[in-house]
Every structure is written in structure tokens, then in C-alpha cells.
Amino acid sequence: MQSPLYWHPGFYSFIMKKLYGSYYSKRYSEIVKLIPDNCSLLELCMGDLYFYEHYLKKKNINYSCADINPVFVNAAKKKSINAVLMDMLKDEIPRSDYILLQGSLYHSIPHQKELVNKILGSTGKQLIISENIQNISNSSNSFKAWLGGAFSKAKAGQSKIKFTKETLKD
């Protein structure tokens, strides 16, 4: 079953802000520095569109986004944003100068290496990956680990495994 986290963009945004705390805005302010004006950017697993609306909207870029969640895609379309419903593991990834995947590579475990290679084939200039390496799901407290895994399932049957510093480097 899909986690309630993915049922509504507003709830998703609220929970993400609580989980990340002071690092919530910091990660976006670092990523936006990597994206120049006058380029095309595809954001995979765009979620609530916070990054676009608060950091990218004022830049001169050709922005598009994709997500496996129809709720997020429909919310983007209502804002006239070029959004497509896509399973990044199965579907073709549109070509773009820059492709951004933040906090979502873990959704592809154990196929993360194949996914990265697939995305690189669609990237004209750069693939930007920003991934968490400290996760509640990796907690030694079994309840916290269960809670973290349960709330991060974007679709039924998905792995509860998250990256650590070592596994992400691999």
C-alpha cells in the first residue's frame, strides 16, 4: 500500500518540512546553484513542486517534471506546469539538458545503478542527484525503522531500504 505521505501535496510538504527541519531549504539553495539559466530541466519525482515554485520559477529555464503519483502530476498540471505521469524504472525518460532526482533514488533499489545509467542516457549536460544518507528507516530502534519505511513507500511492494553514505557511494 502507498504511504499516506503521497496522498496530497500539502500533506507531503508539511511532513517533509518537519522531517528535514533546518535542512529543508538548505538542500534546495545548494541544488539551484547547479542549474543555469537558458537550459531545459526535467525533475523526476517532483513531489509537491516546492523546489520549482520557490527556487526555479523565477529562473529562465524550460522546466518539466515527472512523477509516478497521479495526484502530484495532476496538481502540477492544474498550475499549467509541463508534468507527465511516469514510472522512471519502466518508462522512457525524456531528453533534457539537466535531470534532477532529489530524495528519490532509493525508490529504485535494487535497480539504482541501471536507473542512473538510463537517466544519464537522457541527460544532455548533467544529472543531479541529491539523496539522504541519514534515514529513520535505518534506525536501530525497530519502531522508528518500521515507521520510516512505512511512510516512504511511494507505491505498493516497494523496498523499505534506504541509502547510507557507503551504499550511495557504491
N, C-alpha and C. Protein backbone atom coordinates (compact mmCIF):
# COMPACT_ATOMS: atom_id res chain seq x y z
N MET A 1 0.83 -1.19 0.00
CA MET A 1 0.00 0.00 0.00
C MET A 1 0.87 1.26 0.00
N GLN A 2 0.42 2.26 -0.72
CA GLN A 2 1.13 3.53 -0.78
C GLN A 2 0.99 4.26 0.56
N SER A 3 2.05 4.91 0.97
CA SER A 3 2.04 5.67 2.21
C SER A 3 1.10 6.87 2.11
N PRO A 4 0.43 7.23 3.22
CA PRO A 4 -0.39 8.45 3.23
C PRO A 4 0.41 9.71 2.89
N LEU A 5 1.70 9.66 3.04
CA LEU A 5 2.57 10.79 2.71
C LEU A 5 2.33 11.27 1.28
N TYR A 6 1.98 10.34 0.39
CA TYR A 6 1.84 10.66 -1.03
C TYR A 6 0.40 10.90 -1.46
N TRP A 7 -0.51 11.06 -0.52
CA TRP A 7 -1.92 11.24 -0.85
C TRP A 7 -2.28 12.67 -1.25
N HIS A 8 -1.50 13.65 -0.79
CA HIS A 8 -1.82 15.05 -1.09
C HIS A 8 -0.54 15.89 -1.02
N PRO A 9 -0.32 16.77 -2.00
CA PRO A 9 0.90 17.59 -1.99
C PRO A 9 1.07 18.43 -0.73
N GLY A 10 -0.02 18.94 -0.16
CA GLY A 10 0.08 19.74 1.05
C GLY A 10 0.55 18.93 2.25
N PHE A 11 0.04 17.72 2.40
CA PHE A 11 0.45 16.85 3.49
C PHE A 11 1.91 16.44 3.30
N TYR A 12 2.26 16.12 2.06
CA TYR A 12 3.64 15.75 1.72
C TYR A 12 4.59 16.89 2.11
N SER A 13 4.24 18.10 1.73
CA SER A 13 5.08 19.26 2.02
C SER A 13 5.23 19.46 3.53
N PHE A 14 4.15 19.35 4.27
CA PHE A 14 4.17 19.53 5.72
C PHE A 14 5.11 18.51 6.37
N ILE A 15 4.98 17.25 6.00
CA ILE A 15 5.80 16.18 6.60
C ILE A 15 7.27 16.36 6.21
N MET A 16 7.54 16.69 4.95
CA MET A 16 8.93 16.88 4.51
C MET A 16 9.60 18.01 5.30
N LYS A 17 8.88 19.10 5.50
CA LYS A 17 9.45 20.22 6.26
C LYS A 17 9.75 19.80 7.70
N LYS A 18 8.89 19.00 8.28
CA LYS A 18 9.12 18.52 9.65
C LYS A 18 10.31 17.55 9.70
N LEU A 19 10.41 16.66 8.73
CA LEU A 19 11.50 15.68 8.72
C LEU A 19 12.86 16.33 8.48
N TYR A 20 12.92 17.26 7.54
CA TYR A 20 14.19 17.89 7.19
C TYR A 20 14.58 19.01 8.14
N GLY A 21 13.61 19.64 8.77
CA GLY A 21 13.91 20.74 9.68
C GLY A 21 14.66 21.86 8.98
N SER A 22 15.75 22.31 9.57
CA SER A 22 16.52 23.44 9.03
C SER A 22 17.22 23.09 7.71
N TYR A 23 17.33 21.81 7.40
CA TYR A 23 17.99 21.40 6.15
C TYR A 23 17.04 21.45 4.95
N TYR A 24 15.76 21.65 5.19
CA TYR A 24 14.78 21.63 4.11
C TYR A 24 15.11 22.65 3.02
N SER A 25 15.28 23.90 3.39
CA SER A 25 15.60 24.94 2.42
C SER A 25 17.05 24.88 1.97
N LYS A 26 17.94 24.46 2.85
CA LYS A 26 19.37 24.42 2.52
C LYS A 26 19.64 23.51 1.33
N ARG A 27 18.99 22.35 1.27
CA ARG A 27 19.26 21.44 0.15
C ARG A 27 18.83 22.07 -1.17
N TYR A 28 17.71 22.79 -1.15
CA TYR A 28 17.25 23.45 -2.38
C TYR A 28 18.18 24.59 -2.79
N SER A 29 18.63 25.37 -1.82
CA SER A 29 19.50 26.50 -2.15
C SER A 29 20.84 26.04 -2.71
N GLU A 30 21.28 24.86 -2.36
CA GLU A 30 22.51 24.30 -2.92
C GLU A 30 22.27 23.75 -4.33
N ILE A 31 21.17 23.07 -4.53
CA ILE A 31 20.87 22.46 -5.83
C ILE A 31 20.64 23.53 -6.89
N VAL A 32 19.93 24.60 -6.55
CA VAL A 32 19.60 25.62 -7.55
C VAL A 32 20.85 26.25 -8.15
N LYS A 33 21.95 26.27 -7.40
CA LYS A 33 23.22 26.82 -7.91
C LYS A 33 23.77 26.00 -9.08
N LEU A 34 23.35 24.76 -9.20
CA LEU A 34 23.86 23.87 -10.25
C LEU A 34 23.09 23.99 -11.56
N ILE A 35 22.01 24.75 -11.55
CA ILE A 35 21.13 24.84 -12.72
C ILE A 35 21.22 26.23 -13.33
N PRO A 36 21.83 26.35 -14.50
CA PRO A 36 21.99 27.67 -15.12
C PRO A 36 20.72 28.12 -15.84
N ASP A 37 20.64 29.41 -16.12
CA ASP A 37 19.56 29.93 -16.96
C ASP A 37 19.72 29.37 -18.37
N ASN A 38 18.65 29.48 -19.13
CA ASN A 38 18.65 29.09 -20.55
C ASN A 38 18.97 27.61 -20.77
N CYS A 39 18.38 26.75 -19.96
CA CYS A 39 18.56 25.32 -20.14
C CYS A 39 17.21 24.63 -19.99
N SER A 40 17.18 23.37 -20.31
CA SER A 40 15.99 22.57 -20.03
C SER A 40 16.29 21.70 -18.81
N LEU A 41 15.30 21.57 -17.94
CA LEU A 41 15.44 20.78 -16.73
C LEU A 41 14.25 19.86 -16.58
N LEU A 42 14.51 18.59 -16.39
CA LEU A 42 13.48 17.60 -16.07
C LEU A 42 13.69 17.19 -14.62
N GLU A 43 12.69 17.42 -13.79
CA GLU A 43 12.75 16.98 -12.39
C GLU A 43 11.95 15.70 -12.26
N LEU A 44 12.63 14.61 -11.94
CA LEU A 44 11.97 13.34 -11.72
C LEU A 44 11.51 13.26 -10.27
N CYS A 45 10.35 12.67 -10.05
CA CYS A 45 9.80 12.54 -8.69
C CYS A 45 9.69 13.91 -8.04
N MET A 46 9.01 14.82 -8.69
CA MET A 46 8.98 16.21 -8.26
C MET A 46 8.16 16.47 -7.01
N GLY A 47 7.32 15.53 -6.62
CA GLY A 47 6.56 15.69 -5.39
C GLY A 47 5.66 16.90 -5.38
N ASP A 48 5.80 17.74 -4.38
CA ASP A 48 4.89 18.88 -4.16
C ASP A 48 5.26 20.14 -4.94
N LEU A 49 6.29 20.10 -5.74
CA LEU A 49 6.73 21.24 -6.58
C LEU A 49 7.34 22.39 -5.77
N TYR A 50 7.69 22.15 -4.54
CA TYR A 50 8.27 23.21 -3.71
C TYR A 50 9.53 23.78 -4.36
N PHE A 51 10.40 22.93 -4.86
CA PHE A 51 11.65 23.39 -5.46
C PHE A 51 11.37 24.28 -6.67
N TYR A 52 10.45 23.86 -7.52
CA TYR A 52 10.11 24.68 -8.69
C TYR A 52 9.53 26.02 -8.27
N GLU A 53 8.53 25.98 -7.40
CA GLU A 53 7.82 27.20 -7.06
C GLU A 53 8.64 28.21 -6.26
N HIS A 54 9.58 27.75 -5.46
CA HIS A 54 10.35 28.67 -4.62
C HIS A 54 11.77 28.95 -5.11
N TYR A 55 12.26 28.16 -6.05
CA TYR A 55 13.65 28.34 -6.48
C TYR A 55 13.82 28.42 -8.00
N LEU A 56 13.00 27.72 -8.74
CA LEU A 56 13.21 27.65 -10.19
C LEU A 56 12.29 28.55 -11.00
N LYS A 57 11.12 28.83 -10.51
CA LYS A 57 10.12 29.57 -11.26
C LYS A 57 10.63 30.91 -11.78
N LYS A 58 11.47 31.55 -10.99
CA LYS A 58 11.99 32.87 -11.39
C LYS A 58 13.21 32.78 -12.32
N LYS A 59 13.72 31.57 -12.52
CA LYS A 59 14.85 31.39 -13.43
C LYS A 59 14.34 31.25 -14.87
N ASN A 60 15.17 31.56 -15.82
CA ASN A 60 14.82 31.42 -17.23
C ASN A 60 15.22 30.01 -17.70
N ILE A 61 14.35 29.04 -17.38
CA ILE A 61 14.61 27.66 -17.79
C ILE A 61 13.34 27.05 -18.37
N ASN A 62 13.53 26.01 -19.16
CA ASN A 62 12.41 25.23 -19.68
C ASN A 62 12.22 24.05 -18.73
N TYR A 63 11.28 24.18 -17.80
CA TYR A 63 11.07 23.20 -16.73
C TYR A 63 9.98 22.20 -17.11
N SER A 64 10.27 20.94 -16.85
CA SER A 64 9.25 19.90 -16.93
C SER A 64 9.49 18.94 -15.77
N CYS A 65 8.48 18.16 -15.45
CA CYS A 65 8.61 17.26 -14.31
C CYS A 65 7.82 15.98 -14.56
N ALA A 66 8.15 14.98 -13.76
CA ALA A 66 7.50 13.68 -13.89
C ALA A 66 7.42 13.03 -12.51
N ASP A 67 6.36 12.25 -12.33
CA ASP A 67 6.19 11.53 -11.08
C ASP A 67 5.31 10.31 -11.35
N ILE A 68 5.46 9.30 -10.52
CA ILE A 68 4.65 8.10 -10.62
C ILE A 68 3.28 8.30 -9.98
N ASN A 69 3.16 9.37 -9.20
CA ASN A 69 1.95 9.64 -8.44
C ASN A 69 1.01 10.56 -9.24
N PRO A 70 -0.16 10.05 -9.64
CA PRO A 70 -1.09 10.90 -10.41
C PRO A 70 -1.59 12.12 -9.64
N VAL A 71 -1.65 12.05 -8.32
CA VAL A 71 -2.07 13.20 -7.51
C VAL A 71 -1.09 14.35 -7.70
N PHE A 72 0.21 14.08 -7.66
CA PHE A 72 1.22 15.12 -7.84
C PHE A 72 1.22 15.64 -9.28
N VAL A 73 1.10 14.76 -10.24
CA VAL A 73 1.09 15.17 -11.65
C VAL A 73 -0.12 16.05 -11.95
N ASN A 74 -1.29 15.65 -11.47
CA ASN A 74 -2.49 16.46 -11.69
C ASN A 74 -2.39 17.82 -11.01
N ALA A 75 -1.79 17.88 -9.82
CA ALA A 75 -1.60 19.17 -9.13
C ALA A 75 -0.70 20.08 -9.96
N ALA A 76 0.34 19.52 -10.56
CA ALA A 76 1.24 20.31 -11.41
C ALA A 76 0.52 20.81 -12.66
N LYS A 77 -0.26 19.94 -13.27
CA LYS A 77 -0.99 20.33 -14.49
C LYS A 77 -2.00 21.44 -14.20
N LYS A 78 -2.60 21.42 -13.02
CA LYS A 78 -3.54 22.48 -12.64
C LYS A 78 -2.84 23.83 -12.54
N LYS A 79 -1.53 23.81 -12.33
CA LYS A 79 -0.73 25.03 -12.27
C LYS A 79 -0.08 25.33 -13.62
N SER A 80 -0.52 24.63 -14.67
CA SER A 80 0.00 24.79 -16.04
C SER A 80 1.48 24.47 -16.15
N ILE A 81 1.95 23.51 -15.36
CA ILE A 81 3.33 23.05 -15.42
C ILE A 81 3.36 21.79 -16.28
N ASN A 82 4.37 21.70 -17.14
CA ASN A 82 4.52 20.54 -18.01
C ASN A 82 4.90 19.32 -17.17
N ALA A 83 3.91 18.49 -16.85
CA ALA A 83 4.12 17.33 -15.98
C ALA A 83 3.59 16.08 -16.66
N VAL A 84 4.32 14.98 -16.47
CA VAL A 84 3.87 13.70 -17.03
C VAL A 84 3.87 12.63 -15.95
N LEU A 85 2.92 11.72 -16.08
CA LEU A 85 2.86 10.56 -15.22
C LEU A 85 3.86 9.54 -15.76
N MET A 86 4.81 9.13 -14.93
CA MET A 86 5.88 8.28 -15.43
C MET A 86 6.45 7.40 -14.32
N ASP A 87 6.71 6.15 -14.67
CA ASP A 87 7.46 5.24 -13.81
C ASP A 87 8.88 5.27 -14.35
N MET A 88 9.78 5.92 -13.64
CA MET A 88 11.14 6.13 -14.15
C MET A 88 11.88 4.82 -14.38
N LEU A 89 11.47 3.75 -13.73
CA LEU A 89 12.13 2.46 -13.93
C LEU A 89 11.68 1.80 -15.23
N LYS A 90 10.43 2.04 -15.62
CA LYS A 90 9.86 1.34 -16.79
C LYS A 90 9.73 2.21 -18.04
N ASP A 91 9.39 3.46 -17.86
CA ASP A 91 9.10 4.34 -18.98
C ASP A 91 10.35 5.02 -19.54
N GLU A 92 10.24 5.46 -20.78
CA GLU A 92 11.33 6.21 -21.40
C GLU A 92 11.45 7.57 -20.71
N ILE A 93 12.66 7.99 -20.47
CA ILE A 93 12.90 9.28 -19.82
C ILE A 93 13.17 10.33 -20.90
N PRO A 94 12.36 11.39 -20.93
CA PRO A 94 12.56 12.42 -21.95
C PRO A 94 13.94 13.07 -21.85
N ARG A 95 14.45 13.49 -22.97
CA ARG A 95 15.76 14.13 -23.04
C ARG A 95 15.66 15.54 -22.47
N SER A 96 16.69 15.93 -21.72
CA SER A 96 16.76 17.26 -21.14
C SER A 96 18.21 17.61 -20.88
N ASP A 97 18.54 18.90 -20.89
CA ASP A 97 19.91 19.32 -20.58
C ASP A 97 20.32 18.82 -19.19
N TYR A 98 19.45 19.08 -18.22
CA TYR A 98 19.70 18.71 -16.83
C TYR A 98 18.54 17.84 -16.36
N ILE A 99 18.87 16.82 -15.61
CA ILE A 99 17.84 15.99 -14.98
C ILE A 99 18.15 15.96 -13.50
N LEU A 100 17.12 16.22 -12.71
CA LEU A 100 17.25 16.29 -11.26
C LEU A 100 16.46 15.16 -10.61
N LEU A 101 17.12 14.47 -9.69
CA LEU A 101 16.48 13.43 -8.90
C LEU A 101 16.90 13.67 -7.45
N GLN A 102 15.97 14.18 -6.65
CA GLN A 102 16.34 14.51 -5.27
C GLN A 102 15.46 13.74 -4.28
N GLY A 103 16.14 13.05 -3.39
CA GLY A 103 15.47 12.30 -2.35
C GLY A 103 14.60 11.17 -2.85
N SER A 104 14.90 10.64 -4.03
CA SER A 104 14.04 9.62 -4.63
C SER A 104 14.77 8.46 -5.26
N LEU A 105 16.08 8.49 -5.30
CA LEU A 105 16.82 7.38 -5.90
C LEU A 105 16.54 6.08 -5.15
N TYR A 106 16.32 6.18 -3.85
CA TYR A 106 16.07 4.97 -3.06
C TYR A 106 14.83 4.21 -3.54
N HIS A 107 13.91 4.90 -4.22
CA HIS A 107 12.73 4.22 -4.76
C HIS A 107 13.10 3.15 -5.78
N SER A 108 14.30 3.24 -6.34
CA SER A 108 14.71 2.30 -7.38
C SER A 108 15.52 1.12 -6.87
N ILE A 109 15.86 1.09 -5.58
CA ILE A 109 16.64 -0.02 -5.02
C ILE A 109 15.87 -1.32 -5.26
N PRO A 110 16.43 -2.35 -5.78
CA PRO A 110 17.85 -2.64 -6.01
C PRO A 110 18.32 -2.35 -7.45
N HIS A 111 17.57 -1.53 -8.19
CA HIS A 111 17.91 -1.25 -9.59
C HIS A 111 18.48 0.14 -9.79
N GLN A 112 19.08 0.70 -8.74
CA GLN A 112 19.55 2.08 -8.79
C GLN A 112 20.66 2.30 -9.82
N LYS A 113 21.55 1.35 -10.00
CA LYS A 113 22.64 1.54 -10.97
C LYS A 113 22.09 1.56 -12.39
N GLU A 114 21.15 0.68 -12.68
CA GLU A 114 20.53 0.67 -14.02
C GLU A 114 19.77 1.97 -14.26
N LEU A 115 19.09 2.45 -13.21
CA LEU A 115 18.34 3.70 -13.37
C LEU A 115 19.28 4.87 -13.64
N VAL A 116 20.35 4.98 -12.90
CA VAL A 116 21.29 6.08 -13.10
C VAL A 116 21.83 6.04 -14.53
N ASN A 117 22.19 4.88 -15.02
CA ASN A 117 22.68 4.76 -16.40
C ASN A 117 21.60 5.14 -17.41
N LYS A 118 20.36 4.75 -17.14
CA LYS A 118 19.24 5.10 -18.02
C LYS A 118 19.05 6.62 -18.07
N ILE A 119 19.09 7.26 -16.91
CA ILE A 119 18.91 8.71 -16.85
C ILE A 119 20.07 9.42 -17.54
N LEU A 120 21.28 8.94 -17.32
CA LEU A 120 22.45 9.55 -17.97
C LEU A 120 22.30 9.54 -19.49
N GLY A 121 21.65 8.51 -20.02
CA GLY A 121 21.42 8.44 -21.46
C GLY A 121 20.46 9.49 -21.97
N SER A 122 19.68 10.09 -21.09
CA SER A 122 18.72 11.13 -21.47
C SER A 122 19.18 12.53 -21.08
N THR A 123 20.32 12.62 -20.43
CA THR A 123 20.83 13.90 -19.95
C THR A 123 21.80 14.50 -20.95
N GLY A 124 21.52 15.73 -21.38
CA GLY A 124 22.41 16.39 -22.31
C GLY A 124 23.66 16.94 -21.65
N LYS A 125 23.53 17.44 -20.43
CA LYS A 125 24.67 18.08 -19.77
C LYS A 125 24.98 17.49 -18.41
N GLN A 126 23.97 17.33 -17.55
CA GLN A 126 24.29 16.89 -16.19
C GLN A 126 23.08 16.22 -15.52
N LEU A 127 23.39 15.17 -14.79
CA LEU A 127 22.43 14.52 -13.90
C LEU A 127 22.76 14.99 -12.50
N ILE A 128 21.77 15.51 -11.79
CA ILE A 128 21.95 15.99 -10.43
C ILE A 128 21.16 15.06 -9.51
N ILE A 129 21.89 14.39 -8.61
CA ILE A 129 21.25 13.52 -7.64
C ILE A 129 21.54 14.05 -6.25
N SER A 130 20.50 14.23 -5.48
CA SER A 130 20.62 14.62 -4.08
C SER A 130 19.83 13.59 -3.28
N GLU A 131 20.52 12.87 -2.44
CA GLU A 131 19.89 11.75 -1.73
C GLU A 131 20.23 11.78 -0.25
N ASN A 132 19.28 11.43 0.56
CA ASN A 132 19.50 11.35 2.00
C ASN A 132 20.36 10.14 2.34
N ILE A 133 21.24 10.33 3.32
CA ILE A 133 22.05 9.19 3.79
C ILE A 133 21.81 8.93 5.27
N GLN A 134 21.03 9.78 5.90
CA GLN A 134 20.61 9.54 7.29
C GLN A 134 19.09 9.43 7.25
N ASN A 135 18.61 8.24 7.56
CA ASN A 135 17.19 7.97 7.44
C ASN A 135 16.63 7.29 8.68
N ILE A 136 15.39 7.61 8.99
CA ILE A 136 14.70 6.95 10.08
C ILE A 136 14.61 5.46 9.81
N SER A 137 14.47 5.09 8.54
CA SER A 137 14.34 3.68 8.16
C SER A 137 15.56 2.85 8.55
N ASN A 138 16.69 3.50 8.72
CA ASN A 138 17.92 2.79 9.10
C ASN A 138 18.15 2.81 10.61
N SER A 139 17.17 3.26 11.37
CA SER A 139 17.32 3.37 12.81
C SER A 139 17.49 2.00 13.47
N SER A 140 18.25 1.96 14.55
CA SER A 140 18.38 0.72 15.33
C SER A 140 17.13 0.48 16.17
N ASN A 141 16.29 1.49 16.32
CA ASN A 141 15.02 1.36 17.01
C ASN A 141 14.02 0.75 16.02
N SER A 142 13.54 -0.45 16.29
CA SER A 142 12.71 -1.16 15.32
C SER A 142 11.41 -0.43 15.00
N PHE A 143 10.82 0.27 15.98
CA PHE A 143 9.59 1.01 15.70
C PHE A 143 9.87 2.18 14.76
N LYS A 144 10.93 2.94 15.04
CA LYS A 144 11.29 4.06 14.17
C LYS A 144 11.61 3.57 12.76
N ALA A 145 12.33 2.47 12.66
CA ALA A 145 12.68 1.91 11.35
C ALA A 145 11.42 1.50 10.59
N TRP A 146 10.48 0.87 11.29
CA TRP A 146 9.22 0.48 10.65
C TRP A 146 8.45 1.71 10.18
N LEU A 147 8.35 2.71 11.04
CA LEU A 147 7.63 3.94 10.72
C LEU A 147 8.24 4.63 9.50
N GLY A 148 9.57 4.75 9.50
CA GLY A 148 10.25 5.38 8.36
C GLY A 148 10.03 4.63 7.06
N GLY A 149 10.07 3.31 7.12
CA GLY A 149 9.83 2.50 5.93
C GLY A 149 8.41 2.59 5.44
N ALA A 150 7.46 2.55 6.38
CA ALA A 150 6.04 2.60 6.03
C ALA A 150 5.65 3.93 5.39
N PHE A 151 6.23 5.03 5.87
CA PHE A 151 5.86 6.34 5.36
C PHE A 151 6.61 6.75 4.09
N SER A 152 7.53 5.94 3.63
CA SER A 152 8.28 6.33 2.44
C SER A 152 7.96 5.47 1.22
N LYS A 153 6.93 4.66 1.30
CA LYS A 153 6.56 3.82 0.16
C LYS A 153 5.71 4.61 -0.83
N ALA A 154 6.30 4.90 -1.97
CA ALA A 154 5.57 5.66 -2.99
C ALA A 154 4.58 4.78 -3.74
N LYS A 155 4.81 3.47 -3.72
CA LYS A 155 3.89 2.54 -4.38
C LYS A 155 3.95 1.20 -3.65
N ALA A 156 2.94 0.40 -3.85
CA ALA A 156 2.85 -0.90 -3.17
C ALA A 156 4.01 -1.80 -3.57
N GLY A 157 4.53 -2.54 -2.61
CA GLY A 157 5.59 -3.51 -2.88
C GLY A 157 6.99 -2.94 -2.92
N GLN A 158 7.12 -1.65 -2.70
CA GLN A 158 8.44 -1.00 -2.78
C GLN A 158 9.33 -1.37 -1.61
N SER A 159 10.62 -1.40 -1.87
CA SER A 159 11.61 -1.70 -0.84
C SER A 159 11.61 -0.64 0.26
N LYS A 160 11.86 -1.07 1.49
CA LYS A 160 11.99 -0.14 2.62
C LYS A 160 13.44 0.27 2.82
N ILE A 161 14.35 -0.26 2.03
CA ILE A 161 15.77 0.01 2.17
C ILE A 161 16.07 1.45 1.74
N LYS A 162 16.93 2.13 2.49
CA LYS A 162 17.39 3.48 2.15
C LYS A 162 18.90 3.48 2.06
N PHE A 163 19.45 4.53 1.52
CA PHE A 163 20.89 4.64 1.37
C PHE A 163 21.57 5.07 2.66
N THR A 164 22.79 4.60 2.81
CA THR A 164 23.70 5.11 3.81
C THR A 164 24.80 5.81 3.01
N LYS A 165 25.74 6.43 3.66
CA LYS A 165 26.85 7.09 2.97
C LYS A 165 27.60 6.08 2.09
N GLU A 166 27.84 4.89 2.62
CA GLU A 166 28.60 3.86 1.90
C GLU A 166 27.82 3.30 0.72
N THR A 167 26.53 2.99 0.91
CA THR A 167 25.77 2.39 -0.19
C THR A 167 25.48 3.39 -1.30
N LEU A 168 25.35 4.66 -0.97
CA LEU A 168 25.15 5.66 -2.01
C LEU A 168 26.41 5.84 -2.84
N LYS A 169 27.58 5.83 -2.22
CA LYS A 169 28.83 5.93 -2.96
C LYS A 169 28.99 4.78 -3.93
N ASP A 170 28.60 3.58 -3.49
CA ASP A 170 28.67 2.39 -4.33
C ASP A 170 27.81 2.58 -5.56
